[in-house]
Amino acid sequence: MVVNTQKLRGKIVERGTTQGNVAKACGIYRTTFYRKMKNGGKDFTVGEIQSMIKGIPLTQEEAIDIFLN
């Protein structure tokens, strides 16, 4: 799976949060989150993606656009 990391970054900023806060919501280190983003998001687990959807938060349409493109 390849995540649209540009759109994900945009939604994080749009919602007024940070990648560090999203990493914390996912239960991973900020550096791990950054590495996974740099790798196109392909290493994110289903659980991490679910945490991001709730933590950012993302609508169903936004989540589909970002994670199922």
N, C-alpha and C. Protein backbone atom coordinates (compact mmCIF):
# COMPACT_ATOMS: atom_id res chain seq x y z
N MET A 1 0.84 -1.18 0.00
CA MET A 1 0.00 0.00 0.00
C MET A 1 0.88 1.24 0.00
N VAL A 2 0.56 2.18 -0.84
CA VAL A 2 1.26 3.45 -0.88
C VAL A 2 0.31 4.55 -0.42
N VAL A 3 0.75 5.29 0.56
CA VAL A 3 -0.05 6.36 1.15
C VAL A 3 0.26 7.66 0.42
N ASN A 4 -0.76 8.47 0.18
CA ASN A 4 -0.54 9.79 -0.40
C ASN A 4 -0.05 10.69 0.73
N THR A 5 1.27 10.68 0.95
CA THR A 5 1.84 11.39 2.09
C THR A 5 1.70 12.90 1.98
N GLN A 6 1.66 13.43 0.76
CA GLN A 6 1.48 14.88 0.60
C GLN A 6 0.10 15.30 1.12
N LYS A 7 -0.92 14.56 0.75
CA LYS A 7 -2.28 14.87 1.23
C LYS A 7 -2.37 14.65 2.73
N LEU A 8 -1.72 13.61 3.23
CA LEU A 8 -1.73 13.34 4.66
C LEU A 8 -1.08 14.49 5.42
N ARG A 9 0.08 14.94 4.96
CA ARG A 9 0.74 16.09 5.59
C ARG A 9 -0.17 17.32 5.57
N GLY A 10 -0.82 17.54 4.43
CA GLY A 10 -1.72 18.68 4.30
C GLY A 10 -2.87 18.63 5.30
N LYS A 11 -3.46 17.46 5.47
CA LYS A 11 -4.57 17.31 6.42
C LYS A 11 -4.10 17.49 7.85
N ILE A 12 -2.89 17.03 8.16
CA ILE A 12 -2.34 17.21 9.50
C ILE A 12 -2.22 18.70 9.81
N VAL A 13 -1.68 19.46 8.87
CA VAL A 13 -1.53 20.91 9.06
C VAL A 13 -2.89 21.58 9.10
N GLU A 14 -3.78 21.19 8.18
CA GLU A 14 -5.12 21.78 8.10
C GLU A 14 -5.89 21.62 9.40
N ARG A 15 -5.69 20.50 10.09
CA ARG A 15 -6.39 20.23 11.34
C ARG A 15 -5.69 20.86 12.54
N GLY A 16 -4.57 21.53 12.29
CA GLY A 16 -3.88 22.25 13.37
C GLY A 16 -3.10 21.36 14.31
N THR A 17 -2.64 20.24 13.83
CA THR A 17 -1.84 19.35 14.66
C THR A 17 -0.46 19.20 14.02
N THR A 18 0.35 18.31 14.55
CA THR A 18 1.70 18.09 14.03
C THR A 18 1.91 16.60 13.76
N GLN A 19 2.93 16.31 12.98
CA GLN A 19 3.26 14.91 12.73
C GLN A 19 3.67 14.22 14.03
N GLY A 20 4.32 14.97 14.93
CA GLY A 20 4.69 14.42 16.23
C GLY A 20 3.48 14.01 17.05
N ASN A 21 2.44 14.84 17.03
CA ASN A 21 1.21 14.50 17.75
C ASN A 21 0.51 13.30 17.13
N VAL A 22 0.55 13.21 15.81
CA VAL A 22 -0.06 12.07 15.13
C VAL A 22 0.72 10.79 15.47
N ALA A 23 2.04 10.89 15.50
CA ALA A 23 2.86 9.74 15.88
C ALA A 23 2.50 9.26 17.28
N LYS A 24 2.35 10.22 18.19
CA LYS A 24 1.99 9.88 19.57
C LYS A 24 0.63 9.18 19.61
N ALA A 25 -0.34 9.68 18.83
CA ALA A 25 -1.67 9.06 18.77
C ALA A 25 -1.59 7.63 18.23
N CYS A 26 -0.60 7.38 17.36
CA CYS A 26 -0.42 6.04 16.78
C CYS A 26 0.36 5.12 17.71
N GLY A 27 0.97 5.69 18.75
CA GLY A 27 1.76 4.89 19.67
C GLY A 27 3.14 4.55 19.14
N ILE A 28 3.67 5.42 18.24
CA ILE A 28 5.02 5.19 17.71
C ILE A 28 5.86 6.44 17.94
N TYR A 29 7.17 6.25 17.86
CA TYR A 29 8.08 7.38 18.00
C TYR A 29 7.94 8.33 16.81
N ARG A 30 8.18 9.60 17.07
CA ARG A 30 8.11 10.61 16.01
C ARG A 30 9.08 10.28 14.88
N THR A 31 10.29 9.84 15.22
CA THR A 31 11.27 9.51 14.18
C THR A 31 10.80 8.33 13.33
N THR A 32 10.13 7.38 13.95
CA THR A 32 9.58 6.24 13.21
C THR A 32 8.49 6.71 12.26
N PHE A 33 7.65 7.62 12.74
CA PHE A 33 6.59 8.17 11.89
C PHE A 33 7.20 8.88 10.69
N TYR A 34 8.22 9.73 10.93
CA TYR A 34 8.87 10.45 9.83
C TYR A 34 9.49 9.48 8.82
N ARG A 35 10.11 8.41 9.31
CA ARG A 35 10.73 7.43 8.41
C ARG A 35 9.66 6.75 7.55
N LYS A 36 8.55 6.39 8.17
CA LYS A 36 7.47 5.74 7.42
C LYS A 36 6.89 6.70 6.38
N MET A 37 6.77 7.98 6.73
CA MET A 37 6.28 8.97 5.76
C MET A 37 7.26 9.09 4.60
N LYS A 38 8.55 9.13 4.91
CA LYS A 38 9.57 9.27 3.87
C LYS A 38 9.56 8.07 2.92
N ASN A 39 9.19 6.91 3.43
CA ASN A 39 9.12 5.69 2.62
C ASN A 39 7.78 5.55 1.90
N GLY A 40 7.04 6.62 1.79
CA GLY A 40 5.76 6.58 1.08
C GLY A 40 4.61 6.03 1.89
N GLY A 41 4.81 5.86 3.18
CA GLY A 41 3.74 5.36 4.04
C GLY A 41 3.47 3.88 3.92
N LYS A 42 4.27 3.17 3.14
CA LYS A 42 3.99 1.75 2.90
C LYS A 42 4.21 0.87 4.12
N ASP A 43 4.91 1.40 5.14
CA ASP A 43 5.18 0.60 6.34
C ASP A 43 4.17 0.82 7.47
N PHE A 44 3.19 1.70 7.26
CA PHE A 44 2.18 1.91 8.30
C PHE A 44 1.33 0.66 8.45
N THR A 45 1.04 0.32 9.70
CA THR A 45 0.17 -0.82 9.96
C THR A 45 -1.29 -0.37 9.89
N VAL A 46 -2.18 -1.33 9.81
CA VAL A 46 -3.61 -1.02 9.79
C VAL A 46 -3.99 -0.28 11.07
N GLY A 47 -3.47 -0.72 12.19
CA GLY A 47 -3.76 -0.07 13.47
C GLY A 47 -3.28 1.37 13.51
N GLU A 48 -2.10 1.63 12.95
CA GLU A 48 -1.57 3.00 12.91
C GLU A 48 -2.45 3.88 12.02
N ILE A 49 -2.88 3.33 10.91
CA ILE A 49 -3.75 4.09 10.00
C ILE A 49 -5.08 4.40 10.68
N GLN A 50 -5.64 3.44 11.38
CA GLN A 50 -6.89 3.68 12.11
C GLN A 50 -6.69 4.76 13.17
N SER A 51 -5.56 4.74 13.85
CA SER A 51 -5.26 5.76 14.85
C SER A 51 -5.13 7.14 14.22
N MET A 52 -4.52 7.20 13.03
CA MET A 52 -4.39 8.47 12.33
C MET A 52 -5.75 9.02 11.93
N ILE A 53 -6.62 8.14 11.42
CA ILE A 53 -7.95 8.57 10.98
C ILE A 53 -8.71 9.18 12.15
N LYS A 54 -8.61 8.57 13.33
CA LYS A 54 -9.30 9.09 14.51
C LYS A 54 -8.59 10.31 15.09
N GLY A 55 -7.26 10.27 15.09
CA GLY A 55 -6.48 11.31 15.76
C GLY A 55 -6.37 12.62 15.02
N ILE A 56 -6.46 12.60 13.69
CA ILE A 56 -6.24 13.85 12.93
C ILE A 56 -7.42 14.80 13.04
N PRO A 57 -8.66 14.49 12.97
CA PRO A 57 -9.38 13.35 12.39
C PRO A 57 -9.61 13.53 10.89
N LEU A 58 -9.88 12.41 10.24
CA LEU A 58 -10.16 12.40 8.80
C LEU A 58 -11.57 11.89 8.56
N THR A 59 -12.23 12.46 7.56
CA THR A 59 -13.52 11.93 7.14
C THR A 59 -13.27 10.61 6.40
N GLN A 60 -14.33 9.87 6.18
CA GLN A 60 -14.20 8.61 5.44
C GLN A 60 -13.66 8.88 4.04
N GLU A 61 -14.16 9.93 3.39
CA GLU A 61 -13.71 10.26 2.03
C GLU A 61 -12.24 10.64 2.01
N GLU A 62 -11.81 11.43 3.01
CA GLU A 62 -10.41 11.83 3.09
C GLU A 62 -9.51 10.62 3.31
N ALA A 63 -9.94 9.73 4.19
CA ALA A 63 -9.16 8.53 4.48
C ALA A 63 -9.01 7.66 3.24
N ILE A 64 -10.09 7.49 2.51
CA ILE A 64 -10.03 6.69 1.27
C ILE A 64 -9.09 7.34 0.27
N ASP A 65 -9.18 8.64 0.13
CA ASP A 65 -8.34 9.37 -0.81
C ASP A 65 -6.86 9.26 -0.45
N ILE A 66 -6.55 9.28 0.85
CA ILE A 66 -5.16 9.25 1.29
C ILE A 66 -4.60 7.83 1.33
N PHE A 67 -5.36 6.89 1.87
CA PHE A 67 -4.82 5.55 2.13
C PHE A 67 -5.16 4.50 1.08
N LEU A 68 -6.13 4.77 0.21
CA LEU A 68 -6.52 3.78 -0.79
C LEU A 68 -6.45 4.35 -2.19
N ASN A 69 -5.40 5.10 -2.47
CA ASN A 69 -5.32 5.71 -3.81
C ASN A 69 -4.65 4.81 -4.80
